[in-house]
């Protein structure tokens, strides 16, 4: 089932209603007939952010996923930075 849709103008005029409705289920706001944003309850946003963080790869995992088998990497053609030792 598709989220309820509000035009930007309707959402501005009835913002309190949009907020109240978003506590029950996400509310889509459209601009020029196209989806622009989705308003969700704070708890749902927090849940999604936590889920995103759990799926994020750690630096160690990134290193372990590097190609193996003696492959070579192309060196960047940049000047070394100056140091003042």
C-alpha atoms as a PDB file:
ATOM      1  CA  UNK A   1       0.000   0.000   0.000  1.00  0.00           C
ATOM      2  CA  UNK A   2       1.299   3.439  -0.927  1.00  0.00           C
ATOM      3  CA  UNK A   3       1.950   6.141   1.671  1.00  0.00           C
ATOM      4  CA  UNK A   4      -0.615   8.942   1.891  1.00  0.00           C
ATOM      5  CA  UNK A   5       0.384  11.877  -0.338  1.00  0.00           C
ATOM      6  CA  UNK A   6       0.280  15.591   0.392  1.00  0.00           C
ATOM      7  CA  UNK A   7       1.208  18.406  -1.966  1.00  0.00           C
ATOM      8  CA  UNK A   8       3.758  20.828  -0.536  1.00  0.00           C
ATOM      9  CA  UNK A   9       1.048  23.488  -0.267  1.00  0.00           C
ATOM     10  CA  UNK A  10      -1.343  21.136   1.577  1.00  0.00           C
ATOM     11  CA  UNK A  11       1.468  19.955   3.863  1.00  0.00           C
ATOM     12  CA  UNK A  12       2.337  23.578   4.710  1.00  0.00           C
ATOM     13  CA  UNK A  13      -1.279  24.503   5.370  1.00  0.00           C
ATOM     14  CA  UNK A  14      -1.991  21.373   7.409  1.00  0.00           C
ATOM     15  CA  UNK A  15       1.406  20.652   8.931  1.00  0.00           C
ATOM     16  CA  UNK A  16       0.012  19.587  12.314  1.00  0.00           C
ATOM     17  CA  UNK A  17      -2.138  16.992  10.543  1.00  0.00           C
ATOM     18  CA  UNK A  18       0.864  15.733   8.580  1.00  0.00           C
ATOM     19  CA  UNK A  19       2.850  15.338  11.807  1.00  0.00           C
ATOM     20  CA  UNK A  20       0.019  13.517  13.571  1.00  0.00           C
ATOM     21  CA  UNK A  21      -0.530  11.215  10.583  1.00  0.00           C
ATOM     22  CA  UNK A  22       3.234  10.503  10.359  1.00  0.00           C
ATOM     23  CA  UNK A  23       3.129   9.115  13.886  1.00  0.00           C
ATOM     24  CA  UNK A  24       0.941   6.310  12.509  1.00  0.00           C
ATOM     25  CA  UNK A  25       2.554   5.772   9.085  1.00  0.00           C
ATOM     26  CA  UNK A  26       4.941   7.616   6.731  1.00  0.00           C
ATOM     27  CA  UNK A  27       3.491  10.592   4.842  1.00  0.00           C
ATOM     28  CA  UNK A  28       4.750  11.457   1.343  1.00  0.00           C
ATOM     29  CA  UNK A  29       4.988  15.115   0.343  1.00  0.00           C
ATOM     30  CA  UNK A  30       5.010  15.838  -3.388  1.00  0.00           C
ATOM     31  CA  UNK A  31       6.326  18.826  -5.315  1.00  0.00           C
ATOM     32  CA  UNK A  32       5.133  19.339  -8.877  1.00  0.00           C
ATOM     33  CA  UNK A  33       3.499  15.906  -8.701  1.00  0.00           C
ATOM     34  CA  UNK A  34       6.730  14.066  -7.830  1.00  0.00           C
ATOM     35  CA  UNK A  35       7.773  12.626  -4.471  1.00  0.00           C
ATOM     36  CA  UNK A  36       9.930  15.172  -2.640  1.00  0.00           C
ATOM     37  CA  UNK A  37      10.169  13.980   0.973  1.00  0.00           C
ATOM     38  CA  UNK A  38       8.687  11.431   3.335  1.00  0.00           C
ATOM     39  CA  UNK A  39       7.734  12.482   6.864  1.00  0.00           C
ATOM     40  CA  UNK A  40       8.194   9.693   9.414  1.00  0.00           C
ATOM     41  CA  UNK A  41       7.815   9.428  13.173  1.00  0.00           C
ATOM     42  CA  UNK A  42      10.958  10.173  15.187  1.00  0.00           C
ATOM     43  CA  UNK A  43      11.022   6.611  16.533  1.00  0.00           C
ATOM     44  CA  UNK A  44      10.974   5.206  12.994  1.00  0.00           C
ATOM     45  CA  UNK A  45      13.775   7.548  11.935  1.00  0.00           C
ATOM     46  CA  UNK A  46      15.855   6.461  14.952  1.00  0.00           C
ATOM     47  CA  UNK A  47      15.203   2.802  14.114  1.00  0.00           C
ATOM     48  CA  UNK A  48      16.309   3.316  10.508  1.00  0.00           C
ATOM     49  CA  UNK A  49      19.479   5.176  11.541  1.00  0.00           C
ATOM     50  CA  UNK A  50      20.369   2.398  13.996  1.00  0.00           C
ATOM     51  CA  UNK A  51      19.797  -0.229  11.294  1.00  0.00           C
ATOM     52  CA  UNK A  52      21.955   1.728   8.853  1.00  0.00           C
ATOM     53  CA  UNK A  53      24.758   1.927  11.410  1.00  0.00           C
ATOM     54  CA  UNK A  54      24.555  -1.814  12.111  1.00  0.00           C
ATOM     55  CA  UNK A  55      24.981  -2.563   8.399  1.00  0.00           C
ATOM     56  CA  UNK A  56      27.961  -0.216   8.009  1.00  0.00           C
ATOM     57  CA  UNK A  57      31.231  -1.996   7.353  1.00  0.00           C
ATOM     58  CA  UNK A  58      34.027  -1.436   9.887  1.00  0.00           C
ATOM     59  CA  UNK A  59      37.499  -0.250   8.921  1.00  0.00           C
ATOM     60  CA  UNK A  60      38.890  -3.715   9.741  1.00  0.00           C
ATOM     61  CA  UNK A  61      36.298  -5.355   7.478  1.00  0.00           C
ATOM     62  CA  UNK A  62      37.227  -2.887   4.740  1.00  0.00           C
ATOM     63  CA  UNK A  63      40.902  -3.857   5.021  1.00  0.00           C
ATOM     64  CA  UNK A  64      40.078  -7.560   5.039  1.00  0.00           C
ATOM     65  CA  UNK A  65      38.022  -7.130   1.851  1.00  0.00           C
ATOM     66  CA  UNK A  66      40.965  -5.708  -0.112  1.00  0.00           C
ATOM     67  CA  UNK A  67      42.069  -7.737  -3.145  1.00  0.00           C
ATOM     68  CA  UNK A  68      44.560 -10.480  -2.419  1.00  0.00           C
ATOM     69  CA  UNK A  69      46.902 -12.468  -4.610  1.00  0.00           C
ATOM     70  CA  UNK A  70      49.805 -10.137  -5.332  1.00  0.00           C
ATOM     71  CA  UNK A  71      47.854  -7.560  -7.308  1.00  0.00           C
ATOM     72  CA  UNK A  72      49.378  -4.152  -7.813  1.00  0.00           C
ATOM     73  CA  UNK A  73      47.896  -0.752  -7.179  1.00  0.00           C
ATOM     74  CA  UNK A  74      48.458   2.236  -9.410  1.00  0.00           C
ATOM     75  CA  UNK A  75      50.304   5.022  -7.606  1.00  0.00           C
ATOM     76  CA  UNK A  76      48.717   8.433  -7.515  1.00  0.00           C
ATOM     77  CA  UNK A  77      50.630  11.066  -9.451  1.00  0.00           C
ATOM     78  CA  UNK A  78      50.768  13.770  -6.780  1.00  0.00           C
ATOM     79  CA  UNK A  79      53.546  15.704  -5.130  1.00  0.00           C
ATOM     80  CA  UNK A  80      54.549  14.668  -1.657  1.00  0.00           C
ATOM     81  CA  UNK A  81      53.674  17.222   0.951  1.00  0.00           C
ATOM     82  CA  UNK A  82      56.332  19.367   2.572  1.00  0.00           C
ATOM     83  CA  UNK A  83      57.174  18.715   6.204  1.00  0.00           C
ATOM     84  CA  UNK A  84      58.873  21.090   8.589  1.00  0.00           C
ATOM     85  CA  UNK A  85      61.063  18.904  10.745  1.00  0.00           C
END
